[in-house]
Amino acid sequence: MVQALIAGGIIYGLFNFLERGKDRGLDGFTSITFVLVPALLLFLITLGWGFIGLPQAFLLPFVSLYFLVPTLMLRLQYQFGWKNACGYGLLVFVVAMAVDILLSVGFSALRG
């Protein structure tokens, strides 16, 4: 949850910077949604995957949800072009992965 809030805040700032002067409805809630929905889906998939007993290494393709969900939301809900939607989806993916990696490294450093 902390990862989603931090990444959502960064994405909100980047969207405000990139979309200045345009009113397309991209607000703070939407920015957090772009990270929270894939994070919750990935959590539920991981939980089900663990109950079945399959190896966790096969979950790597599901990380693409951080790209797919924002891209499809921007294209279908906000009527962005495919080029802009894919660019913003890639931005969400990169920010979410960077924040996740930095938090993982930070928390592991706290454990010693």
PDB file of N, CA and C in Angstrom:
ATOM      1  N   MET A   1       0.814  -1.192   0.000  1.00  0.00           N
ATOM      2  CA  MET A   1       0.000   0.000   0.000  1.00  0.00           C
ATOM      3  C   MET A   1       0.860   1.261   0.000  1.00  0.00           C
ATOM      4  N   VAL A   2       1.948   1.221   0.735  1.00  0.00           N
ATOM      5  CA  VAL A   2       2.855   2.365   0.772  1.00  0.00           C
ATOM      6  C   VAL A   2       3.438   2.604  -0.615  1.00  0.00           C
ATOM      7  N   GLN A   3       3.774   1.510  -1.305  1.00  0.00           N
ATOM      8  CA  GLN A   3       4.321   1.610  -2.659  1.00  0.00           C
ATOM      9  C   GLN A   3       3.320   2.277  -3.588  1.00  0.00           C
ATOM     10  N   ALA A   4       2.049   1.924  -3.489  1.00  0.00           N
ATOM     11  CA  ALA A   4       1.022   2.503  -4.358  1.00  0.00           C
ATOM     12  C   ALA A   4       0.836   3.988  -4.082  1.00  0.00           C
ATOM     13  N   LEU A   5       0.881   4.390  -2.821  1.00  0.00           N
ATOM     14  CA  LEU A   5       0.724   5.807  -2.494  1.00  0.00           C
ATOM     15  C   LEU A   5       1.911   6.641  -2.965  1.00  0.00           C
ATOM     16  N   ILE A   6       3.116   6.129  -2.766  1.00  0.00           N
ATOM     17  CA  ILE A   6       4.295   6.869  -3.202  1.00  0.00           C
ATOM     18  C   ILE A   6       4.343   6.955  -4.721  1.00  0.00           C
ATOM     19  N   ALA A   7       4.141   5.828  -5.388  1.00  0.00           N
ATOM     20  CA  ALA A   7       4.167   5.819  -6.852  1.00  0.00           C
ATOM     21  C   ALA A   7       3.029   6.664  -7.424  1.00  0.00           C
ATOM     22  N   GLY A   8       1.850   6.605  -6.808  1.00  0.00           N
ATOM     23  CA  GLY A   8       0.735   7.434  -7.250  1.00  0.00           C
ATOM     24  C   GLY A   8       1.017   8.913  -7.123  1.00  0.00           C
ATOM     25  N   GLY A   9       1.680   9.299  -6.041  1.00  0.00           N
ATOM     26  CA  GLY A   9       2.051  10.700  -5.865  1.00  0.00           C
ATOM     27  C   GLY A   9       3.066  11.162  -6.900  1.00  0.00           C
ATOM     28  N   ILE A  10       4.042  10.314  -7.195  1.00  0.00           N
ATOM     29  CA  ILE A  10       5.033  10.661  -8.220  1.00  0.00           C
ATOM     30  C   ILE A  10       4.372  10.757  -9.590  1.00  0.00           C
ATOM     31  N   ILE A  11       3.501   9.825  -9.882  1.00  0.00           N
ATOM     32  CA  ILE A  11       2.805   9.834 -11.174  1.00  0.00           C
ATOM     33  C   ILE A  11       1.901  11.050 -11.285  1.00  0.00           C
ATOM     34  N   TYR A  12       1.248  11.417 -10.191  1.00  0.00           N
ATOM     35  CA  TYR A  12       0.407  12.621 -10.198  1.00  0.00           C
ATOM     36  C   TYR A  12       1.237  13.861 -10.533  1.00  0.00           C
ATOM     37  N   GLY A  13       2.406  13.980  -9.919  1.00  0.00           N
ATOM     38  CA  GLY A  13       3.284  15.112 -10.224  1.00  0.00           C
ATOM     39  C   GLY A  13       3.754  15.107 -11.669  1.00  0.00           C
ATOM     40  N   LEU A  14       4.103  13.941 -12.176  1.00  0.00           N
ATOM     41  CA  LEU A  14       4.537  13.850 -13.569  1.00  0.00           C
ATOM     42  C   LEU A  14       3.399  14.144 -14.539  1.00  0.00           C
ATOM     43  N   PHE A  15       2.198  13.643 -14.237  1.00  0.00           N
ATOM     44  CA  PHE A  15       1.048  13.933 -15.107  1.00  0.00           C
ATOM     45  C   PHE A  15       0.732  15.423 -15.105  1.00  0.00           C
ATOM     46  N   ASN A  16       0.808  16.058 -13.935  1.00  0.00           N
ATOM     47  CA  ASN A  16       0.576  17.509 -13.882  1.00  0.00           C
ATOM     48  C   ASN A  16       1.601  18.259 -14.705  1.00  0.00           C
ATOM     49  N   PHE A  17       2.843  17.801 -14.668  1.00  0.00           N
ATOM     50  CA  PHE A  17       3.897  18.438 -15.448  1.00  0.00           C
ATOM     51  C   PHE A  17       3.681  18.224 -16.950  1.00  0.00           C
ATOM     52  N   LEU A  18       3.350  17.013 -17.340  1.00  0.00           N
ATOM     53  CA  LEU A  18       3.185  16.694 -18.760  1.00  0.00           C
ATOM     54  C   LEU A  18       1.870  17.206 -19.342  1.00  0.00           C
ATOM     55  N   GLU A  19       0.847  17.339 -18.522  1.00  0.00           N
ATOM     56  CA  GLU A  19      -0.481  17.727 -19.000  1.00  0.00           C
ATOM     57  C   GLU A  19      -0.856  19.150 -18.601  1.00  0.00           C
ATOM     58  N   ARG A  20       0.114  19.996 -18.325  1.00  0.00           N
ATOM     59  CA  ARG A  20      -0.209  21.361 -17.907  1.00  0.00           C
ATOM     60  C   ARG A  20      -0.920  22.078 -19.061  1.00  0.00           C
ATOM     61  N   GLY A  21      -1.970  22.793 -18.698  1.00  0.00           N
ATOM     62  CA  GLY A  21      -2.764  23.522 -19.679  1.00  0.00           C
ATOM     63  C   GLY A  21      -3.873  22.703 -20.300  1.00  0.00           C
ATOM     64  N   LYS A  22      -3.935  21.407 -20.017  1.00  0.00           N
ATOM     65  CA  LYS A  22      -4.976  20.540 -20.567  1.00  0.00           C
ATOM     66  C   LYS A  22      -5.819  20.026 -19.413  1.00  0.00           C
ATOM     67  N   ASP A  23      -7.114  19.974 -19.610  1.00  0.00           N
ATOM     68  CA  ASP A  23      -7.995  19.450 -18.567  1.00  0.00           C
ATOM     69  C   ASP A  23      -8.624  18.156 -19.074  1.00  0.00           C
ATOM     70  N   ARG A  24      -7.957  17.049 -18.792  1.00  0.00           N
ATOM     71  CA  ARG A  24      -8.434  15.747 -19.259  1.00  0.00           C
ATOM     72  C   ARG A  24      -8.994  14.900 -18.134  1.00  0.00           C
ATOM     73  N   GLY A  25      -9.003  15.405 -16.923  1.00  0.00           N
ATOM     74  CA  GLY A  25      -9.576  14.671 -15.803  1.00  0.00           C
ATOM     75  C   GLY A  25      -8.589  13.795 -15.066  1.00  0.00           C
ATOM     76  N   LEU A  26      -7.292  13.953 -15.320  1.00  0.00           N
ATOM     77  CA  LEU A  26      -6.286  13.164 -14.609  1.00  0.00           C
ATOM     78  C   LEU A  26      -5.965  13.852 -13.292  1.00  0.00           C
ATOM     79  N   ASP A  27      -6.518  13.314 -12.215  1.00  0.00           N
ATOM     80  CA  ASP A  27      -6.303  13.911 -10.904  1.00  0.00           C
ATOM     81  C   ASP A  27      -5.543  12.936 -10.012  1.00  0.00           C
ATOM     82  N   GLY A  28      -5.437  13.269  -8.745  1.00  0.00           N
ATOM     83  CA  GLY A  28      -4.682  12.441  -7.809  1.00  0.00           C
ATOM     84  C   GLY A  28      -5.278  11.056  -7.626  1.00  0.00           C
ATOM     85  N   PHE A  29      -6.604  10.962  -7.575  1.00  0.00           N
ATOM     86  CA  PHE A  29      -7.252   9.668  -7.407  1.00  0.00           C
ATOM     87  C   PHE A  29      -6.970   8.762  -8.604  1.00  0.00           C
ATOM     88  N   THR A  30      -7.006   9.337  -9.804  1.00  0.00           N
ATOM     89  CA  THR A  30      -6.725   8.560 -11.008  1.00  0.00           C
ATOM     90  C   THR A  30      -5.288   8.069 -10.998  1.00  0.00           C
ATOM     91  N   SER A  31      -4.362   8.902 -10.556  1.00  0.00           N
ATOM     92  CA  SER A  31      -2.955   8.515 -10.515  1.00  0.00           C
ATOM     93  C   SER A  31      -2.728   7.359  -9.550  1.00  0.00           C
ATOM     94  N   ILE A  32      -3.380   7.406  -8.408  1.00  0.00           N
ATOM     95  CA  ILE A  32      -3.253   6.309  -7.448  1.00  0.00           C
ATOM     96  C   ILE A  32      -3.937   5.055  -7.986  1.00  0.00           C
ATOM     97  N   THR A  33      -5.037   5.227  -8.706  1.00  0.00           N
ATOM     98  CA  THR A  33      -5.747   4.093  -9.292  1.00  0.00           C
ATOM     99  C   THR A  33      -4.884   3.364 -10.307  1.00  0.00           C
ATOM    100  N   PHE A  34      -4.087   4.111 -11.070  1.00  0.00           N
ATOM    101  CA  PHE A  34      -3.211   3.498 -12.066  1.00  0.00           C
ATOM    102  C   PHE A  34      -2.208   2.547 -11.435  1.00  0.00           C
ATOM    103  N   VAL A  35      -1.869   2.748 -10.176  1.00  0.00           N
ATOM    104  CA  VAL A  35      -0.919   1.876  -9.489  1.00  0.00           C
ATOM    105  C   VAL A  35      -1.643   0.893  -8.570  1.00  0.00           C
ATOM    106  N   LEU A  36      -2.708   1.326  -7.931  1.00  0.00           N
ATOM    107  CA  LEU A  36      -3.392   0.498  -6.945  1.00  0.00           C
ATOM    108  C   LEU A  36      -4.105  -0.698  -7.572  1.00  0.00           C
ATOM    109  N   VAL A  37      -4.770  -0.500  -8.695  1.00  0.00           N
ATOM    110  CA  VAL A  37      -5.503  -1.601  -9.336  1.00  0.00           C
ATOM    111  C   VAL A  37      -4.548  -2.721  -9.769  1.00  0.00           C
ATOM    112  N   PRO A  38      -3.449  -2.421 -10.491  1.00  0.00           N
ATOM    113  CA  PRO A  38      -2.532  -3.514 -10.820  1.00  0.00           C
ATOM    114  C   PRO A  38      -1.889  -4.153  -9.582  1.00  0.00           C
ATOM    115  N   ALA A  39      -1.607  -3.343  -8.553  1.00  0.00           N
ATOM    116  CA  ALA A  39      -1.004  -3.896  -7.337  1.00  0.00           C
ATOM    117  C   ALA A  39      -1.964  -4.875  -6.659  1.00  0.00           C
ATOM    118  N   LEU A  40      -3.236  -4.527  -6.577  1.00  0.00           N
ATOM    119  CA  LEU A  40      -4.209  -5.430  -5.960  1.00  0.00           C
ATOM    120  C   LEU A  40      -4.429  -6.682  -6.808  1.00  0.00           C
ATOM    121  N   LEU A  41      -4.484  -6.519  -8.128  1.00  0.00           N
ATOM    122  CA  LEU A  41      -4.622  -7.689  -8.998  1.00  0.00           C
ATOM    123  C   LEU A  41      -3.411  -8.611  -8.866  1.00  0.00           C
ATOM    124  N   LEU A  42      -2.238  -8.030  -8.833  1.00  0.00           N
ATOM    125  CA  LEU A  42      -1.022  -8.821  -8.681  1.00  0.00           C
ATOM    126  C   LEU A  42      -0.989  -9.520  -7.323  1.00  0.00           C
ATOM    127  N   PHE A  43      -1.455  -8.845  -6.287  1.00  0.00           N
ATOM    128  CA  PHE A  43      -1.534  -9.458  -4.957  1.00  0.00           C
ATOM    129  C   PHE A  43      -2.475 -10.662  -4.968  1.00  0.00           C
ATOM    130  N   LEU A  44      -3.656 -10.509  -5.581  1.00  0.00           N
ATOM    131  CA  LEU A  44      -4.615 -11.611  -5.619  1.00  0.00           C
ATOM    132  C   LEU A  44      -4.111 -12.769  -6.474  1.00  0.00           C
ATOM    133  N   ILE A  45      -3.451 -12.465  -7.588  1.00  0.00           N
ATOM    134  CA  ILE A  45      -2.887 -13.515  -8.428  1.00  0.00           C
ATOM    135  C   ILE A  45      -1.789 -14.256  -7.675  1.00  0.00           C
ATOM    136  N   THR A  46      -0.946 -13.515  -6.962  1.00  0.00           N
ATOM    137  CA  THR A  46       0.133 -14.126  -6.190  1.00  0.00           C
ATOM    138  C   THR A  46      -0.421 -15.002  -5.075  1.00  0.00           C
ATOM    139  N   LEU A  47      -1.485 -14.530  -4.446  1.00  0.00           N
ATOM    140  CA  LEU A  47      -2.117 -15.306  -3.381  1.00  0.00           C
ATOM    141  C   LEU A  47      -2.680 -16.614  -3.925  1.00  0.00           C
ATOM    142  N   GLY A  48      -3.417 -16.540  -5.024  1.00  0.00           N
ATOM    143  CA  GLY A  48      -3.954 -17.753  -5.636  1.00  0.00           C
ATOM    144  C   GLY A  48      -2.866 -18.680  -6.140  1.00  0.00           C
ATOM    145  N   TRP A  49      -1.821 -18.090  -6.707  1.00  0.00           N
ATOM    146  CA  TRP A  49      -0.693 -18.862  -7.211  1.00  0.00           C
ATOM    147  C   TRP A  49      -0.022 -19.630  -6.070  1.00  0.00           C
ATOM    148  N   GLY A  50       0.097 -18.982  -4.912  1.00  0.00           N
ATOM    149  CA  GLY A  50       0.710 -19.629  -3.756  1.00  0.00           C
ATOM    150  C   GLY A  50      -0.148 -20.752  -3.197  1.00  0.00           C
ATOM    151  N   PHE A  51      -1.472 -20.556  -3.215  1.00  0.00           N
ATOM    152  CA  PHE A  51      -2.361 -21.612  -2.727  1.00  0.00           C
ATOM    153  C   PHE A  51      -2.293 -22.844  -3.619  1.00  0.00           C
ATOM    154  N   ILE A  52      -2.122 -22.633  -4.903  1.00  0.00           N
ATOM    155  CA  ILE A  52      -2.016 -23.761  -5.822  1.00  0.00           C
ATOM    156  C   ILE A  52      -0.673 -24.463  -5.654  1.00  0.00           C
ATOM    157  N   GLY A  53       0.346 -23.704  -5.268  1.00  0.00           N
ATOM    158  CA  GLY A  53       1.662 -24.278  -5.024  1.00  0.00           C
ATOM    159  C   GLY A  53       2.591 -24.210  -6.220  1.00  0.00           C
ATOM    160  N   LEU A  54       2.327 -23.304  -7.133  1.00  0.00           N
ATOM    161  CA  LEU A  54       3.182 -23.154  -8.298  1.00  0.00           C
ATOM    162  C   LEU A  54       4.366 -22.251  -7.987  1.00  0.00           C
ATOM    163  N   PRO A  55       5.464 -22.374  -8.746  1.00  0.00           N
ATOM    164  CA  PRO A  55       6.642 -21.541  -8.481  1.00  0.00           C
ATOM    165  C   PRO A  55       6.366 -20.064  -8.745  1.00  0.00           C
ATOM    166  N   GLN A  56       6.920 -19.219  -7.897  1.00  0.00           N
ATOM    167  CA  GLN A  56       6.697 -17.777  -7.992  1.00  0.00           C
ATOM    168  C   GLN A  56       7.367 -17.155  -9.214  1.00  0.00           C
ATOM    169  N   ALA A  57       8.335 -17.825  -9.796  1.00  0.00           N
ATOM    170  CA  ALA A  57       9.059 -17.280 -10.947  1.00  0.00           C
ATOM    171  C   ALA A  57       8.137 -17.087 -12.151  1.00  0.00           C
ATOM    172  N   PHE A  58       7.074 -17.842 -12.230  1.00  0.00           N
ATOM    173  CA  PHE A  58       6.153 -17.734 -13.366  1.00  0.00           C
ATOM    174  C   PHE A  58       5.209 -16.537 -13.258  1.00  0.00           C
ATOM    175  N   LEU A  59       5.297 -15.775 -12.184  1.00  0.00           N
ATOM    176  CA  LEU A  59       4.451 -14.596 -11.999  1.00  0.00           C
ATOM    177  C   LEU A  59       5.002 -13.355 -12.690  1.00  0.00           C
ATOM    178  N   LEU A  60       6.197 -13.419 -13.209  1.00  0.00           N
ATOM    179  CA  LEU A  60       6.834 -12.249 -13.812  1.00  0.00           C
ATOM    180  C   LEU A  60       6.018 -11.612 -14.940  1.00  0.00           C
ATOM    181  N   PRO A  61       5.372 -12.365 -15.835  1.00  0.00           N
ATOM    182  CA  PRO A  61       4.581 -11.709 -16.882  1.00  0.00           C
ATOM    183  C   PRO A  61       3.405 -10.884 -16.348  1.00  0.00           C
ATOM    184  N   PHE A  62       2.930 -11.192 -15.157  1.00  0.00           N
ATOM    185  CA  PHE A  62       1.800 -10.455 -14.602  1.00  0.00           C
ATOM    186  C   PHE A  62       2.186  -9.049 -14.152  1.00  0.00           C
ATOM    187  N   VAL A  63       3.481  -8.763 -14.054  1.00  0.00           N
ATOM    188  CA  VAL A  63       3.944  -7.416 -13.717  1.00  0.00           C
ATOM    189  C   VAL A  63       3.558  -6.446 -14.843  1.00  0.00           C
ATOM    190  N   SER A  64       3.319  -6.978 -16.037  1.00  0.00           N
ATOM    191  CA  SER A  64       2.901  -6.130 -17.159  1.00  0.00           C
ATOM    192  C   SER A  64       1.540  -5.469 -16.915  1.00  0.00           C
ATOM    193  N   LEU A  65       0.834  -5.872 -15.871  1.00  0.00           N
ATOM    194  CA  LEU A  65      -0.424  -5.204 -15.521  1.00  0.00           C
ATOM    195  C   LEU A  65      -0.193  -3.737 -15.185  1.00  0.00           C
ATOM    196  N   TYR A  66       0.993  -3.407 -14.685  1.00  0.00           N
ATOM    197  CA  TYR A  66       1.318  -2.008 -14.406  1.00  0.00           C
ATOM    198  C   TYR A  66       1.379  -1.180 -15.684  1.00  0.00           C
ATOM    199  N   PHE A  67       1.566  -1.817 -16.819  1.00  0.00           N
ATOM    200  CA  PHE A  67       1.530  -1.144 -18.115  1.00  0.00           C
ATOM    201  C   PHE A  67       0.146  -1.242 -18.753  1.00  0.00           C
ATOM    202  N   LEU A  68      -0.463  -2.413 -18.708  1.00  0.00           N
ATOM    203  CA  LEU A  68      -1.720  -2.651 -19.413  1.00  0.00           C
ATOM    204  C   LEU A  68      -2.899  -1.887 -18.828  1.00  0.00           C
ATOM    205  N   VAL A  69      -3.042  -1.898 -17.513  1.00  0.00           N
ATOM    206  CA  VAL A  69      -4.206  -1.245 -16.891  1.00  0.00           C
ATOM    207  C   VAL A  69      -4.232   0.259 -17.161  1.00  0.00           C
ATOM    208  N   PRO A  70      -3.136   1.005 -16.917  1.00  0.00           N
ATOM    209  CA  PRO A  70      -3.189   2.440 -17.223  1.00  0.00           C
ATOM    210  C   PRO A  70      -3.361   2.731 -18.710  1.00  0.00           C
ATOM    211  N   THR A  71      -2.713   1.923 -19.558  1.00  0.00           N
ATOM    212  CA  THR A  71      -2.833   2.148 -21.000  1.00  0.00           C
ATOM    213  C   THR A  71      -4.269   1.978 -21.460  1.00  0.00           C
ATOM    214  N   LEU A  72      -4.899   0.911 -21.030  1.00  0.00           N
ATOM    215  CA  LEU A  72      -6.283   0.676 -21.447  1.00  0.00           C
ATOM    216  C   LEU A  72      -7.246   1.685 -20.825  1.00  0.00           C
ATOM    217  N   MET A  73      -6.992   2.074 -19.578  1.00  0.00           N
ATOM    218  CA  MET A  73      -7.848   3.098 -18.962  1.00  0.00           C
ATOM    219  C   MET A  73      -7.732   4.431 -19.695  1.00  0.00           C
ATOM    220  N   LEU A  74      -6.506   4.834 -20.017  1.00  0.00           N
ATOM    221  CA  LEU A  74      -6.313   6.103 -20.714  1.00  0.00           C
ATOM    222  C   LEU A  74      -6.899   6.060 -22.115  1.00  0.00           C
ATOM    223  N   ARG A  75      -6.772   4.932 -22.780  1.00  0.00           N
ATOM    224  CA  ARG A  75      -7.292   4.832 -24.144  1.00  0.00           C
ATOM    225  C   ARG A  75      -8.814   4.749 -24.163  1.00  0.00           C
ATOM    226  N   LEU A  76      -9.384   3.900 -23.349  1.00  0.00           N
ATOM    227  CA  LEU A  76     -10.820   3.642 -23.425  1.00  0.00           C
ATOM    228  C   LEU A  76     -11.666   4.599 -22.589  1.00  0.00           C
ATOM    229  N   GLN A  77     -11.160   5.021 -21.450  1.00  0.00           N
ATOM    230  CA  GLN A  77     -11.943   5.876 -20.567  1.00  0.00           C
ATOM    231  C   GLN A  77     -11.693   7.356 -20.822  1.00  0.00           C
ATOM    232  N   TYR A  78     -10.449   7.715 -21.072  1.00  0.00           N
ATOM    233  CA  TYR A  78     -10.096   9.129 -21.225  1.00  0.00           C
ATOM    234  C   TYR A  78      -9.884   9.547 -22.671  1.00  0.00           C
ATOM    235  N   GLN A  79     -10.088   8.635 -23.611  1.00  0.00           N
ATOM    236  CA  GLN A  79     -10.024   8.906 -25.048  1.00  0.00           C
ATOM    237  C   GLN A  79      -8.672   9.449 -25.501  1.00  0.00           C
ATOM    238  N   PHE A  80      -7.586   8.975 -24.907  1.00  0.00           N
ATOM    239  CA  PHE A  80      -6.243   9.315 -25.365  1.00  0.00           C
ATOM    240  C   PHE A  80      -5.961   8.512 -26.634  1.00  0.00           C
ATOM    241  N   GLY A  81      -5.031   8.984 -27.437  1.00  0.00           N
ATOM    242  CA  GLY A  81      -4.569   8.198 -28.570  1.00  0.00           C
ATOM    243  C   GLY A  81      -3.707   7.044 -28.072  1.00  0.00           C
ATOM    244  N   TRP A  82      -3.499   6.032 -28.928  1.00  0.00           N
ATOM    245  CA  TRP A  82      -2.714   4.881 -28.504  1.00  0.00           C
ATOM    246  C   TRP A  82      -1.286   5.267 -28.161  1.00  0.00           C
ATOM    247  N   LYS A  83      -0.735   6.211 -28.915  1.00  0.00           N
ATOM    248  CA  LYS A  83       0.644   6.622 -28.675  1.00  0.00           C
ATOM    249  C   LYS A  83       0.792   7.260 -27.288  1.00  0.00           C
ATOM    250  N   ASN A  84      -0.086   8.195 -26.953  1.00  0.00           N
ATOM    251  CA  ASN A  84      -0.036   8.844 -25.639  1.00  0.00           C
ATOM    252  C   ASN A  84      -0.362   7.867 -24.520  1.00  0.00           C
ATOM    253  N   ALA A  85      -1.363   7.014 -24.745  1.00  0.00           N
ATOM    254  CA  ALA A  85      -1.758   6.046 -23.717  1.00  0.00           C
ATOM    255  C   ALA A  85      -0.622   5.072 -23.420  1.00  0.00           C
ATOM    256  N   CYS A  86       0.057   4.598 -24.460  1.00  0.00           N
ATOM    257  CA  CYS A  86       1.183   3.682 -24.250  1.00  0.00           C
ATOM    258  C   CYS A  86       2.357   4.388 -23.583  1.00  0.00           C
ATOM    259  N   GLY A  87       2.590   5.644 -23.946  1.00  0.00           N
ATOM    260  CA  GLY A  87       3.669   6.397 -23.315  1.00  0.00           C
ATOM    261  C   GLY A  87       3.420   6.613 -21.838  1.00  0.00           C
ATOM    262  N   TYR A  88       2.189   7.008 -21.483  1.00  0.00           N
ATOM    263  CA  TYR A  88       1.865   7.191 -20.072  1.00  0.00           C
ATOM    264  C   TYR A  88       1.829   5.851 -19.329  1.00  0.00           C
ATOM    265  N   GLY A  89       1.381   4.794 -20.006  1.00  0.00           N
ATOM    266  CA  GLY A  89       1.410   3.464 -19.391  1.00  0.00           C
ATOM    267  C   GLY A  89       2.823   3.011 -19.085  1.00  0.00           C
ATOM    268  N   LEU A  90       3.753   3.304 -20.002  1.00  0.00           N
ATOM    269  CA  LEU A  90       5.152   2.973 -19.765  1.00  0.00           C
ATOM    270  C   LEU A  90       5.715   3.798 -18.614  1.00  0.00           C
ATOM    271  N   LEU A  91       5.298   5.050 -18.527  1.00  0.00           N
ATOM    272  CA  LEU A  91       5.728   5.905 -17.417  1.00  0.00           C
ATOM    273  C   LEU A  91       5.249   5.336 -16.080  1.00  0.00           C
ATOM    274  N   VAL A  92       4.005   4.895 -16.021  1.00  0.00           N
ATOM    275  CA  VAL A  92       3.466   4.293 -14.799  1.00  0.00           C
ATOM    276  C   VAL A  92       4.245   3.027 -14.453  1.00  0.00           C
ATOM    277  N   PHE A  93       4.533   2.204 -15.454  1.00  0.00           N
ATOM    278  CA  PHE A  93       5.278   0.967 -15.232  1.00  0.00           C
ATOM    279  C   PHE A  93       6.665   1.247 -14.659  1.00  0.00           C
ATOM    280  N   VAL A  94       7.377   2.190 -15.250  1.00  0.00           N
ATOM    281  CA  VAL A  94       8.735   2.503 -14.811  1.00  0.00           C
ATOM    282  C   VAL A  94       8.732   3.073 -13.395  1.00  0.00           C
ATOM    283  N   VAL A  95       7.810   3.982 -13.119  1.00  0.00           N
ATOM    284  CA  VAL A  95       7.748   4.578 -11.776  1.00  0.00           C
ATOM    285  C   VAL A  95       7.361   3.530 -10.739  1.00  0.00           C
ATOM    286  N   ALA A  96       6.377   2.689 -11.042  1.00  0.00           N
ATOM    287  CA  ALA A  96       5.950   1.663 -10.086  1.00  0.00           C
ATOM    288  C   ALA A  96       7.066   0.667  -9.801  1.00  0.00           C
ATOM    289  N   MET A  97       7.794   0.259 -10.829  1.00  0.00           N
ATOM    290  CA  MET A  97       8.893  -0.682 -10.621  1.00  0.00           C
ATOM    291  C   MET A  97      10.044  -0.034  -9.845  1.00  0.00           C
ATOM    292  N   ALA A  98      10.356   1.223 -10.164  1.00  0.00           N
ATOM    293  CA  ALA A  98      11.434   1.915  -9.456  1.00  0.00           C
ATOM    294  C   ALA A  98      11.107   2.084  -7.976  1.00  0.00           C
ATOM    295  N   VAL A  99       9.885   2.494  -7.676  1.00  0.00           N
ATOM    296  CA  VAL A  99       9.486   2.671  -6.274  1.00  0.00           C
ATOM    297  C   VAL A  99       9.468   1.325  -5.554  1.00  0.00           C
ATOM    298  N   ASP A 100       8.987   0.283  -6.216  1.00  0.00           N
ATOM    299  CA  ASP A 100       8.950  -1.043  -5.606  1.00  0.00           C
ATOM    300  C   ASP A 100      10.358  -1.551  -5.301  1.00  0.00           C
ATOM    301  N   ILE A 101      11.274  -1.369  -6.226  1.00  0.00           N
ATOM    302  CA  ILE A 101      12.655  -1.812  -6.010  1.00  0.00           C
ATOM    303  C   ILE A 101      13.309  -1.012  -4.890  1.00  0.00           C
ATOM    304  N   LEU A 102      13.130   0.307  -4.917  1.00  0.00           N
ATOM    305  CA  LEU A 102      13.737   1.135  -3.872  1.00  0.00           C
ATOM    306  C   LEU A 102      13.182   0.812  -2.489  1.00  0.00           C
ATOM    307  N   LEU A 103      11.877   0.570  -2.389  1.00  0.00           N
ATOM    308  CA  LEU A 103      11.310   0.194  -1.094  1.00  0.00           C
ATOM    309  C   LEU A 103      11.788  -1.180  -0.645  1.00  0.00           C
ATOM    310  N   SER A 104      11.919  -2.105  -1.570  1.00  0.00           N
ATOM    311  CA  SER A 104      12.418  -3.438  -1.209  1.00  0.00           C
ATOM    312  C   SER A 104      13.839  -3.362  -0.688  1.00  0.00           C
ATOM    313  N   VAL A 105      14.675  -2.591  -1.381  1.00  0.00           N
ATOM    314  CA  VAL A 105      16.061  -2.438  -0.938  1.00  0.00           C
ATOM    315  C   VAL A 105      16.105  -1.716   0.414  1.00  0.00           C
ATOM    316  N   GLY A 106      15.287  -0.685   0.562  1.00  0.00           N
ATOM    317  CA  GLY A 106      15.262   0.056   1.819  1.00  0.00           C
ATOM    318  C   GLY A 106      14.809  -0.771   2.993  1.00  0.00           C
ATOM    319  N   PHE A 107      13.747  -1.548   2.802  1.00  0.00           N
ATOM    320  CA  PHE A 107      13.260  -2.390   3.891  1.00  0.00           C
ATOM    321  C   PHE A 107      14.226  -3.525   4.209  1.00  0.00           C
ATOM    322  N   SER A 108      14.893  -4.056   3.188  1.00  0.00           N
ATOM    323  CA  SER A 108      15.866  -5.108   3.475  1.00  0.00           C
ATOM    324  C   SER A 108      17.102  -4.547   4.190  1.00  0.00           C
ATOM    325  N   ALA A 109      17.439  -3.311   3.927  1.00  0.00           N
ATOM    326  CA  ALA A 109      18.556  -2.679   4.637  1.00  0.00           C
ATOM    327  C   ALA A 109      18.221  -2.431   6.098  1.00  0.00           C
ATOM    328  N   LEU A 110      16.945  -2.185   6.380  1.00  0.00           N
ATOM    329  CA  LEU A 110      16.537  -1.981   7.774  1.00  0.00           C
ATOM    330  C   LEU A 110      16.654  -3.262   8.589  1.00  0.00           C
ATOM    331  N   ARG A 111      16.438  -4.397   7.931  1.00  0.00           N
ATOM    332  CA  ARG A 111      16.539  -5.679   8.632  1.00  0.00           C
ATOM    333  C   ARG A 111      17.979  -6.031   8.974  1.00  0.00           C
ATOM    334  N   GLY A 112      18.894  -5.510   8.164  1.00  0.00           N
ATOM    335  CA  GLY A 112      20.313  -5.727   8.482  1.00  0.00           C
ATOM    336  C   GLY A 112      20.826  -6.891   7.816  1.00  0.00           C
TER     337      GLY A 112
END
